[in-house]
Amino acid sequence: MSESRTGVGKWSSTVQNWLQTLASVATVGALAFTAVQANAALQQNVTAQQQKTTETLGQAVEQLASEKISVRILGVHALGRVFRESPDDRQAIVAGLSRFVQDRSAENPQTTRYPWIGPEEDVQRAITVLSSSAGQELSANIDLINVNMTGARLEKANLSHAQLIGTNLTYVRADSANLAGAYLMDAKLVTAEMPYSNLAGASLDHADLTGVQLSRANLNGARLFLANPSGATFDGARFVGANLAGANLSGSYLGGADLTRADLTGANLLGVTGLSQHQIDSACVNASTKLPPGLKAPREMRAECVNGPGTVFS
């Protein structure tokens, strides 16, 4: 009897193990089936999302071509939304909006007649999308060469390394904007409001900065070779290693500005206010530098200075 009971016990144990094994196999199979279904659903969702994005882009492009500004604004908003949600489409959107700003700015004569008004609202909103913080990695692709952006609002904008050669930025409001490394050769920034902005390493050769407001701005390593910042305000600005060779700084204010190793060879500093002998001694000047009365160039060029205009200091 005991053996029979023992046999029954062993059989029950074996059956139980089989049942557990079968249950496990069934569970794994169910999980595998579920995974396949989930993957298929995911692929379907991705495809649907891509199709939706493509349709949105197509509709937005059509809206940008509308004669109605309200419709064009809707197109800009749609592109801005796709810009935020679809990283793969950002480069194309930057190129498209750059072209939109170029074309629309050329068609708007009011910014030339009334520069303080600024661009039309659709153009302004396109500029805002282009210079948004989400586009930092693509700001170098922004192409606004020779564009009329007079009076544009660029507060805290990111246009680092952007192409702004010959661009008209007269009357722009660009407080705390990031223009580090931007290409601004021959650009026009007359009476632009740009306090606390970052122009480190920017290229401003031959640019017109008459009356520009750059208080506390960072211009370390910037190039302003033969630029015209006459009458500008640079209080507390940093020009460490900047190239101002041959620049016309007459009538500007440089109180508290850091001119350490700034190349001022051949620069015109006549009429500059707020300038001290200490600032001159820390900069790179030579006999061709025109200094205000009471200030004089050091007898010898500083050791870390390099002779000749057009030199960028490291």
Protein backbone atom coordinates (compact mmCIF):
# COMPACT_ATOMS: atom_id res chain seq x y z
CA MET A 1 0.00 0.00 0.00
CA SER A 2 2.76 2.32 0.88
CA GLU A 3 4.51 1.66 -2.42
CA SER A 4 1.26 2.34 -4.26
CA ARG A 5 0.87 5.58 -2.42
CA THR A 6 4.47 6.46 -3.09
CA GLY A 7 4.01 5.79 -6.79
CA VAL A 8 0.91 7.91 -6.87
CA GLY A 9 2.82 10.70 -5.14
CA LYS A 10 5.61 10.54 -7.66
CA TRP A 11 3.14 10.56 -10.54
CA SER A 12 1.31 13.55 -9.14
CA SER A 13 4.61 15.40 -8.77
CA THR A 14 5.60 14.59 -12.35
CA VAL A 15 2.22 15.71 -13.73
CA GLN A 16 2.47 18.92 -11.73
CA ASN A 17 5.94 19.62 -13.15
CA TRP A 18 4.67 18.98 -16.69
CA LEU A 19 1.73 21.27 -16.15
CA GLN A 20 4.07 24.00 -14.87
CA THR A 21 6.34 23.49 -17.85
CA LEU A 22 3.44 23.61 -20.30
CA ALA A 23 2.13 26.72 -18.58
CA SER A 24 5.54 28.36 -18.90
CA VAL A 25 5.77 27.46 -22.58
CA ALA A 26 2.28 28.79 -23.17
CA THR A 27 3.17 32.00 -21.34
CA VAL A 28 6.36 32.48 -23.38
CA GLY A 29 4.41 31.83 -26.56
CA ALA A 30 1.78 34.32 -25.53
CA LEU A 31 4.45 36.88 -24.67
CA ALA A 32 6.17 36.34 -28.02
CA PHE A 33 2.87 36.74 -29.83
CA THR A 34 2.12 39.87 -27.82
CA ALA A 35 5.58 41.30 -28.65
CA VAL A 36 5.01 40.71 -32.36
CA GLN A 37 1.64 42.44 -32.14
CA ALA A 38 3.14 45.34 -30.18
CA ASN A 39 5.98 45.77 -32.67
CA ALA A 40 3.54 45.73 -35.59
CA ALA A 41 1.35 48.28 -33.83
CA LEU A 42 4.38 50.47 -33.13
CA GLN A 43 5.51 50.34 -36.76
CA GLN A 44 1.99 51.20 -37.86
CA ASN A 45 1.89 54.13 -35.42
CA VAL A 46 5.29 55.40 -36.63
CA THR A 47 4.17 55.16 -40.26
CA ALA A 48 0.94 57.00 -39.45
CA GLN A 49 2.87 59.70 -37.58
CA GLN A 50 5.30 60.13 -40.49
CA GLN A 51 2.40 60.41 -42.91
CA LYS A 52 0.73 62.99 -40.67
CA THR A 53 3.99 64.99 -40.45
CA THR A 54 4.40 64.89 -44.24
CA GLU A 55 0.83 66.13 -44.72
CA THR A 56 1.39 68.91 -42.16
CA LEU A 57 4.58 70.02 -43.91
CA GLY A 58 2.87 70.06 -47.30
CA GLN A 59 -0.06 72.07 -45.99
CA ALA A 60 2.25 74.51 -44.19
CA VAL A 61 4.27 75.16 -47.36
CA GLU A 62 1.04 75.95 -49.21
CA GLN A 63 -0.02 78.30 -46.42
CA LEU A 64 3.31 80.17 -46.59
CA ALA A 65 2.55 80.99 -50.22
CA SER A 66 -0.84 82.53 -49.37
CA GLU A 67 -1.58 86.18 -50.03
CA LYS A 68 -3.23 86.44 -46.60
CA ILE A 69 -0.89 87.12 -43.70
CA SER A 70 -3.18 85.27 -41.29
CA VAL A 71 -2.83 82.11 -43.37
CA ARG A 72 0.95 82.53 -43.62
CA ILE A 73 1.14 82.82 -39.82
CA LEU A 74 -0.72 79.50 -39.52
CA GLY A 75 1.89 77.96 -41.82
CA VAL A 76 4.73 79.29 -39.69
CA HIS A 77 3.08 77.94 -36.53
CA ALA A 78 2.65 74.52 -38.14
CA LEU A 79 6.33 74.40 -39.13
CA GLY A 80 7.28 75.48 -35.63
CA ARG A 81 5.29 72.61 -34.16
CA VAL A 82 6.88 70.06 -36.50
CA PHE A 83 10.27 71.60 -35.72
CA ARG A 84 9.79 70.85 -32.04
CA GLU A 85 8.33 67.39 -32.50
CA SER A 86 10.33 65.95 -35.40
CA PRO A 87 14.14 66.31 -35.18
CA ASP A 88 14.57 64.62 -38.57
CA ASP A 89 12.75 67.48 -40.30
CA ARG A 90 14.48 70.38 -38.57
CA GLN A 91 17.17 70.98 -41.18
CA ALA A 92 14.60 71.19 -43.98
CA ILE A 93 12.43 73.55 -41.90
CA VAL A 94 15.40 75.83 -41.17
CA ALA A 95 16.17 76.02 -44.90
CA GLY A 96 12.52 76.62 -45.79
CA LEU A 97 11.92 79.33 -43.20
CA SER A 98 15.22 81.03 -44.11
CA ARG A 99 14.03 81.25 -47.71
CA PHE A 100 10.60 82.47 -46.56
CA VAL A 101 12.18 85.31 -44.54
CA GLN A 102 14.42 86.21 -47.48
CA ASP A 103 11.54 86.40 -49.93
CA ARG A 104 9.00 88.13 -47.69
CA SER A 105 11.50 90.71 -46.41
CA ALA A 106 12.33 91.70 -49.97
CA GLU A 107 8.61 92.27 -50.65
CA ASN A 108 8.04 94.52 -47.64
CA PRO A 109 9.19 98.12 -48.31
CA GLN A 110 7.80 99.49 -45.01
CA THR A 111 10.84 98.32 -43.05
CA THR A 112 12.94 100.66 -45.17
CA ARG A 113 10.55 103.62 -44.87
CA TYR A 114 9.71 103.03 -41.17
CA PRO A 115 12.59 100.97 -39.72
CA TRP A 116 11.32 101.14 -36.13
CA ILE A 117 8.13 99.25 -37.06
CA GLY A 118 9.92 95.98 -37.75
CA PRO A 119 9.05 93.17 -40.16
CA GLU A 120 5.52 91.93 -40.76
CA GLU A 121 4.23 89.53 -38.11
CA ASP A 122 4.55 86.39 -40.26
CA VAL A 123 8.22 87.19 -40.93
CA GLN A 124 8.85 88.02 -37.29
CA ARG A 125 7.35 84.71 -36.17
CA ALA A 126 9.44 82.82 -38.73
CA ILE A 127 12.55 84.53 -37.36
CA THR A 128 11.48 83.52 -33.84
CA VAL A 129 11.18 79.86 -34.87
CA LEU A 130 14.57 79.99 -36.58
CA SER A 131 16.24 81.51 -33.54
CA SER A 132 14.49 79.39 -30.92
CA SER A 133 16.49 77.51 -28.29
CA ALA A 134 15.34 74.23 -29.85
CA GLY A 135 17.38 75.06 -32.92
CA GLN A 136 20.76 75.58 -31.30
CA GLU A 137 22.35 72.62 -33.05
CA LEU A 138 21.10 73.93 -36.41
CA SER A 139 21.67 77.67 -36.02
CA ALA A 140 24.76 77.45 -38.25
CA ASN A 141 22.41 76.52 -41.12
CA ILE A 142 20.40 79.73 -40.80
CA ASP A 143 20.98 81.70 -43.99
CA LEU A 144 19.76 85.30 -43.82
CA ILE A 145 22.46 86.88 -45.97
CA ASN A 146 21.57 90.39 -47.20
CA VAL A 147 18.10 90.13 -45.62
CA ASN A 148 16.32 93.26 -44.38
CA MET A 149 15.57 92.47 -40.72
CA THR A 150 15.22 96.10 -39.67
CA GLY A 151 13.47 96.44 -36.32
CA ALA A 152 13.23 92.69 -35.72
CA ARG A 153 12.72 91.37 -32.18
CA LEU A 154 15.64 89.12 -31.30
CA GLU A 155 15.62 89.12 -27.51
CA LYS A 156 17.41 85.98 -26.24
CA ALA A 157 17.55 84.68 -29.80
CA ASN A 158 20.02 82.00 -30.76
CA LEU A 159 21.76 82.88 -34.02
CA SER A 160 25.19 81.50 -33.16
CA HIS A 161 27.27 80.88 -36.29
CA ALA A 162 24.36 82.06 -38.45
CA GLN A 163 24.99 83.54 -41.90
CA LEU A 164 24.12 87.24 -41.56
CA ILE A 165 26.56 88.76 -44.05
CA GLY A 166 25.30 92.13 -45.29
CA THR A 167 22.11 91.74 -43.24
CA ASN A 168 20.30 94.92 -42.19
CA LEU A 169 19.79 94.73 -38.43
CA THR A 170 19.12 98.41 -37.87
CA TYR A 171 16.93 99.09 -34.83
CA VAL A 172 16.80 95.41 -33.82
CA ARG A 173 16.14 94.59 -30.17
CA ALA A 174 18.49 91.77 -29.27
CA ASP A 175 18.96 91.84 -25.51
CA SER A 176 20.92 88.78 -24.31
CA ALA A 177 20.96 87.32 -27.84
CA ASN A 178 23.48 84.64 -28.73
CA LEU A 179 25.39 85.61 -31.87
CA ALA A 180 28.63 83.85 -30.96
CA GLY A 181 30.60 83.00 -34.07
CA ALA A 182 27.99 84.60 -36.33
CA TYR A 183 29.05 85.92 -39.75
CA LEU A 184 28.13 89.61 -39.76
CA MET A 185 30.62 91.03 -42.25
CA ASP A 186 29.26 94.20 -43.90
CA ALA A 187 26.13 93.93 -41.74
CA LYS A 188 24.25 97.02 -40.61
CA LEU A 189 23.51 97.26 -36.87
CA VAL A 190 22.86 101.00 -36.64
CA THR A 191 21.28 101.95 -33.27
CA ALA A 192 20.63 98.26 -32.51
CA GLU A 193 19.81 97.48 -28.86
CA MET A 194 22.02 94.53 -27.90
CA PRO A 195 22.97 94.71 -24.20
CA TYR A 196 24.30 91.52 -22.61
CA SER A 197 24.47 89.84 -26.00
CA ASN A 198 27.10 87.24 -26.86
CA LEU A 199 29.19 88.08 -29.93
CA ALA A 200 32.28 86.11 -28.92
CA GLY A 201 34.21 85.08 -32.00
CA ALA A 202 31.74 86.80 -34.33
CA SER A 203 32.96 88.27 -37.62
CA LEU A 204 31.97 91.93 -37.95
CA ASP A 205 34.58 93.15 -40.42
CA HIS A 206 33.42 96.33 -42.22
CA ALA A 207 30.12 96.26 -40.30
CA ASP A 208 28.28 99.50 -39.54
CA LEU A 209 27.60 99.63 -35.78
CA THR A 210 26.93 103.35 -35.54
CA GLY A 211 25.18 104.07 -32.25
CA VAL A 212 24.81 100.39 -31.34
CA GLN A 213 24.10 99.61 -27.66
CA LEU A 214 26.34 96.74 -26.50
CA SER A 215 26.56 97.29 -22.75
CA ARG A 216 27.99 94.26 -20.90
CA ALA A 217 28.25 92.39 -24.19
CA ASN A 218 30.77 89.63 -24.82
CA LEU A 219 32.95 90.43 -27.83
CA ASN A 220 35.94 88.33 -26.80
CA GLY A 221 37.84 87.20 -29.89
CA ALA A 222 35.44 89.02 -32.23
CA ARG A 223 36.61 90.55 -35.50
CA LEU A 224 35.72 94.20 -36.08
CA PHE A 225 38.44 94.96 -38.61
CA LEU A 226 37.67 98.33 -40.27
CA ALA A 227 34.23 98.31 -38.64
CA ASN A 228 32.40 101.53 -37.79
CA PRO A 229 31.08 101.51 -34.20
CA SER A 230 31.22 105.28 -33.89
CA GLY A 231 28.97 106.67 -31.17
CA ALA A 232 28.39 103.17 -29.79
CA THR A 233 27.93 102.27 -26.12
CA PHE A 234 30.28 99.57 -24.84
CA ASP A 235 30.23 100.10 -21.08
CA GLY A 236 31.40 96.95 -19.32
CA ALA A 237 31.80 95.10 -22.61
CA ARG A 238 34.53 92.49 -23.04
CA PHE A 239 36.92 92.71 -25.98
CA VAL A 240 39.62 90.28 -24.82
CA GLY A 241 41.69 89.35 -27.87
CA ALA A 242 39.27 91.09 -30.22
CA ASN A 243 40.42 92.56 -33.52
CA LEU A 244 39.48 96.25 -33.80
CA ALA A 245 42.33 97.16 -36.13
CA GLY A 246 41.44 100.19 -38.22
CA ALA A 247 37.99 100.47 -36.60
CA ASN A 248 36.33 103.85 -36.18
CA LEU A 249 35.38 104.11 -32.49
CA SER A 250 35.13 107.89 -32.44
CA GLY A 251 32.53 109.22 -30.04
CA SER A 252 31.84 105.83 -28.48
CA TYR A 253 31.72 105.06 -24.75
CA LEU A 254 34.12 102.42 -23.38
CA GLY A 255 33.81 102.92 -19.62
CA GLY A 256 34.76 99.71 -17.81
CA ALA A 257 35.34 97.78 -21.04
CA ASP A 258 37.96 95.01 -20.94
CA LEU A 259 40.43 95.67 -23.77
CA THR A 260 43.02 93.10 -22.75
CA ARG A 261 45.04 92.15 -25.85
CA ALA A 262 42.48 93.86 -28.10
CA ASP A 263 44.08 94.88 -31.41
CA LEU A 264 43.60 98.65 -31.69
CA THR A 265 46.34 99.26 -34.21
CA GLY A 266 45.25 101.96 -36.62
CA ALA A 267 41.93 102.42 -34.78
CA ASN A 268 40.34 105.85 -34.34
CA LEU A 269 39.63 106.49 -30.65
CA LEU A 270 39.27 110.26 -30.88
CA GLY A 271 36.34 111.51 -28.86
CA VAL A 272 35.97 108.22 -27.01
CA THR A 273 34.77 108.69 -23.43
CA GLY A 274 35.24 106.51 -20.37
CA LEU A 275 38.63 105.34 -21.62
CA SER A 276 41.53 105.11 -19.17
CA GLN A 277 45.28 104.79 -19.55
CA HIS A 278 45.06 101.37 -17.90
CA GLN A 279 42.77 100.17 -20.68
CA ILE A 280 45.16 101.47 -23.31
CA ASP A 281 48.09 99.80 -21.59
CA SER A 282 46.30 96.45 -21.58
CA ALA A 283 45.45 96.67 -25.29
CA CYS A 284 47.61 96.45 -28.41
CA VAL A 285 48.16 99.92 -29.87
CA ASN A 286 50.79 101.48 -32.07
CA ALA A 287 51.74 104.85 -33.50
CA SER A 288 48.86 104.74 -35.99
CA THR A 289 46.24 104.44 -33.22
CA LYS A 290 44.45 107.75 -32.75
CA LEU A 291 44.01 108.32 -29.01
CA PRO A 292 41.97 110.92 -27.11
CA PRO A 293 43.89 113.82 -25.53
CA GLY A 294 45.62 112.86 -22.30
CA LEU A 295 46.17 109.23 -23.27
CA LYS A 296 49.29 107.84 -24.90
CA ALA A 297 50.44 104.61 -26.42
CA PRO A 298 53.01 102.54 -24.51
CA ARG A 299 56.59 102.97 -25.66
CA GLU A 300 56.79 99.33 -26.63
CA MET A 301 54.18 96.90 -27.95
CA ARG A 302 53.10 94.36 -25.38
CA ALA A 303 54.85 91.01 -25.68
CA GLU A 304 51.64 89.12 -26.38
CA CYS A 305 50.56 91.56 -29.08
CA VAL A 306 51.15 90.85 -32.74
CA ASN A 307 52.10 93.72 -35.04
CA GLY A 308 49.92 94.67 -37.95
CA PRO A 309 46.20 95.13 -38.50
CA GLY A 310 43.92 92.22 -39.27
CA THR A 311 45.45 89.95 -36.66
CA VAL A 312 43.23 87.76 -34.51
CA PHE A 313 44.65 87.19 -31.06
CA SER A 314 44.42 83.73 -29.55
